[in-house]
Amino acid sequence: MRVLKKFLFEFVMFGSCIVQTRSAVFRTDVV
């Protein structure tokens, strides 16, 4: 259970990082 929670936490952090980089690239493309 603890391992699953750790995996879920890392997955969320990884996903948020991808979203931030994609949004940053989108802004540079628009500008």
PDB file of N, CA and C in Angstrom:
ATOM      1  N   MET A   1       0.841  -1.193   0.000  1.00  0.00           N
ATOM      2  CA  MET A   1       0.000   0.000   0.000  1.00  0.00           C
ATOM      3  C   MET A   1       0.881   1.249   0.000  1.00  0.00           C
ATOM      4  N   ARG A   2       1.918   1.229   0.829  1.00  0.00           N
ATOM      5  CA  ARG A   2       2.805   2.385   0.906  1.00  0.00           C
ATOM      6  C   ARG A   2       3.547   2.593  -0.417  1.00  0.00           C
ATOM      7  N   VAL A   3       3.952   1.476  -1.035  1.00  0.00           N
ATOM      8  CA  VAL A   3       4.661   1.576  -2.318  1.00  0.00           C
ATOM      9  C   VAL A   3       3.727   2.164  -3.374  1.00  0.00           C
ATOM     10  N   LEU A   4       2.463   1.741  -3.349  1.00  0.00           N
ATOM     11  CA  LEU A   4       1.498   2.237  -4.326  1.00  0.00           C
ATOM     12  C   LEU A   4       1.298   3.741  -4.154  1.00  0.00           C
ATOM     13  N   LYS A   5       1.219   4.178  -2.899  1.00  0.00           N
ATOM     14  CA  LYS A   5       1.027   5.608  -2.635  1.00  0.00           C
ATOM     15  C   LYS A   5       2.235   6.404  -3.130  1.00  0.00           C
ATOM     16  N   LYS A   6       3.440   5.860  -2.918  1.00  0.00           N
ATOM     17  CA  LYS A   6       4.654   6.544  -3.375  1.00  0.00           C
ATOM     18  C   LYS A   6       4.668   6.626  -4.902  1.00  0.00           C
ATOM     19  N   PHE A   7       4.268   5.545  -5.563  1.00  0.00           N
ATOM     20  CA  PHE A   7       4.230   5.528  -7.022  1.00  0.00           C
ATOM     21  C   PHE A   7       3.218   6.546  -7.538  1.00  0.00           C
ATOM     22  N   LEU A   8       2.056   6.613  -6.876  1.00  0.00           N
ATOM     23  CA  LEU A   8       1.023   7.556  -7.288  1.00  0.00           C
ATOM     24  C   LEU A   8       1.515   8.986  -7.122  1.00  0.00           C
ATOM     25  N   PHE A   9       2.210   9.258  -6.013  1.00  0.00           N
ATOM     26  CA  PHE A   9       2.733  10.604  -5.757  1.00  0.00           C
ATOM     27  C   PHE A   9       3.749  10.999  -6.828  1.00  0.00           C
ATOM     28  N   GLU A  10       4.656  10.082  -7.156  1.00  0.00           N
ATOM     29  CA  GLU A  10       5.665  10.383  -8.179  1.00  0.00           C
ATOM     30  C   GLU A  10       5.005  10.582  -9.543  1.00  0.00           C
ATOM     31  N   PHE A  11       3.952   9.810  -9.821  1.00  0.00           N
ATOM     32  CA  PHE A  11       3.247   9.939 -11.094  1.00  0.00           C
ATOM     33  C   PHE A  11       2.592  11.317 -11.203  1.00  0.00           C
ATOM     34  N   VAL A  12       1.998  11.784 -10.101  1.00  0.00           N
ATOM     35  CA  VAL A  12       1.352  13.103 -10.092  1.00  0.00           C
ATOM     36  C   VAL A  12       2.394  14.202 -10.291  1.00  0.00           C
ATOM     37  N   MET A  13       3.542  14.070  -9.604  1.00  0.00           N
ATOM     38  CA  MET A  13       4.596  15.076  -9.741  1.00  0.00           C
ATOM     39  C   MET A  13       5.112  15.096 -11.180  1.00  0.00           C
ATOM     40  N   PHE A  14       5.288  13.910 -11.771  1.00  0.00           N
ATOM     41  CA  PHE A  14       5.766  13.804 -13.148  1.00  0.00           C
ATOM     42  C   PHE A  14       4.758  14.429 -14.113  1.00  0.00           C
ATOM     43  N   GLY A  15       3.483  14.161 -13.879  1.00  0.00           N
ATOM     44  CA  GLY A  15       2.430  14.713 -14.741  1.00  0.00           C
ATOM     45  C   GLY A  15       2.381  16.229 -14.654  1.00  0.00           C
ATOM     46  N   SER A  16       2.464  16.768 -13.444  1.00  0.00           N
ATOM     47  CA  SER A  16       2.413  18.229 -13.280  1.00  0.00           C
ATOM     48  C   SER A  16       3.627  18.871 -13.948  1.00  0.00           C
ATOM     49  N   CYS A  17       4.777  18.200 -13.881  1.00  0.00           N
ATOM     50  CA  CYS A  17       5.992  18.736 -14.511  1.00  0.00           C
ATOM     51  C   CYS A  17       5.797  18.797 -16.024  1.00  0.00           C
ATOM     52  N   ILE A  18       5.211  17.757 -16.608  1.00  0.00           N
ATOM     53  CA  ILE A  18       4.973  17.729 -18.052  1.00  0.00           C
ATOM     54  C   ILE A  18       3.996  18.835 -18.441  1.00  0.00           C
ATOM     55  N   VAL A  19       2.952  19.023 -17.639  1.00  0.00           N
ATOM     56  CA  VAL A  19       1.954  20.059 -17.937  1.00  0.00           C
ATOM     57  C   VAL A  19       2.604  21.436 -17.912  1.00  0.00           C
ATOM     58  N   GLN A  20       3.477  21.679 -16.939  1.00  0.00           N
ATOM     59  CA  GLN A  20       4.144  22.982 -16.847  1.00  0.00           C
ATOM     60  C   GLN A  20       5.034  23.213 -18.059  1.00  0.00           C
ATOM     61  N   THR A  21       5.802  22.207 -18.460  1.00  0.00           N
ATOM     62  CA  THR A  21       6.698  22.373 -19.606  1.00  0.00           C
ATOM     63  C   THR A  21       5.885  22.576 -20.882  1.00  0.00           C
ATOM     64  N   ARG A  22       4.779  21.852 -21.033  1.00  0.00           N
ATOM     65  CA  ARG A  22       3.955  21.989 -22.233  1.00  0.00           C
ATOM     66  C   ARG A  22       3.324  23.376 -22.279  1.00  0.00           C
ATOM     67  N   SER A  23       2.843  23.867 -21.135  1.00  0.00           N
ATOM     68  CA  SER A  23       2.228  25.197 -21.099  1.00  0.00           C
ATOM     69  C   SER A  23       3.280  26.256 -21.411  1.00  0.00           C
ATOM     70  N   ALA A  24       4.513  26.067 -20.919  1.00  0.00           N
ATOM     71  CA  ALA A  24       5.587  27.029 -21.178  1.00  0.00           C
ATOM     72  C   ALA A  24       5.911  27.044 -22.671  1.00  0.00           C
ATOM     73  N   VAL A  25       5.992  25.874 -23.287  1.00  0.00           N
ATOM     74  CA  VAL A  25       6.280  25.789 -24.723  1.00  0.00           C
ATOM     75  C   VAL A  25       5.138  26.420 -25.510  1.00  0.00           C
ATOM     76  N   PHE A  26       3.911  26.201 -25.055  1.00  0.00           N
ATOM     77  CA  PHE A  26       2.742  26.772 -25.740  1.00  0.00           C
ATOM     78  C   PHE A  26       2.806  28.297 -25.690  1.00  0.00           C
ATOM     79  N   ARG A  27       3.199  28.852 -24.546  1.00  0.00           N
ATOM     80  CA  ARG A  27       3.297  30.318 -24.414  1.00  0.00           C
ATOM     81  C   ARG A  27       4.369  30.859 -25.361  1.00  0.00           C
ATOM     82  N   THR A  28       5.513  30.213 -25.414  1.00  0.00           N
ATOM     83  CA  THR A  28       6.594  30.697 -26.285  1.00  0.00           C
ATOM     84  C   THR A  28       6.158  30.599 -27.747  1.00  0.00           C
ATOM     85  N   ASP A  29       5.396  29.557 -28.091  1.00  0.00           N
ATOM     86  CA  ASP A  29       4.926  29.414 -29.469  1.00  0.00           C
ATOM     87  C   ASP A  29       3.951  30.540 -29.812  1.00  0.00           C
ATOM     88  N   VAL A  30       3.057  30.862 -28.880  1.00  0.00           N
ATOM     89  CA  VAL A  30       2.069  31.920 -29.127  1.00  0.00           C
ATOM     90  C   VAL A  30       2.777  33.263 -29.254  1.00  0.00           C
ATOM     91  N   VAL A  31       3.725  33.522 -28.352  1.00  0.00           N
ATOM     92  CA  VAL A  31       4.445  34.805 -28.376  1.00  0.00           C
ATOM     93  C   VAL A  31       5.533  34.725 -29.448  1.00  0.00           C
TER      94      VAL A  31
END
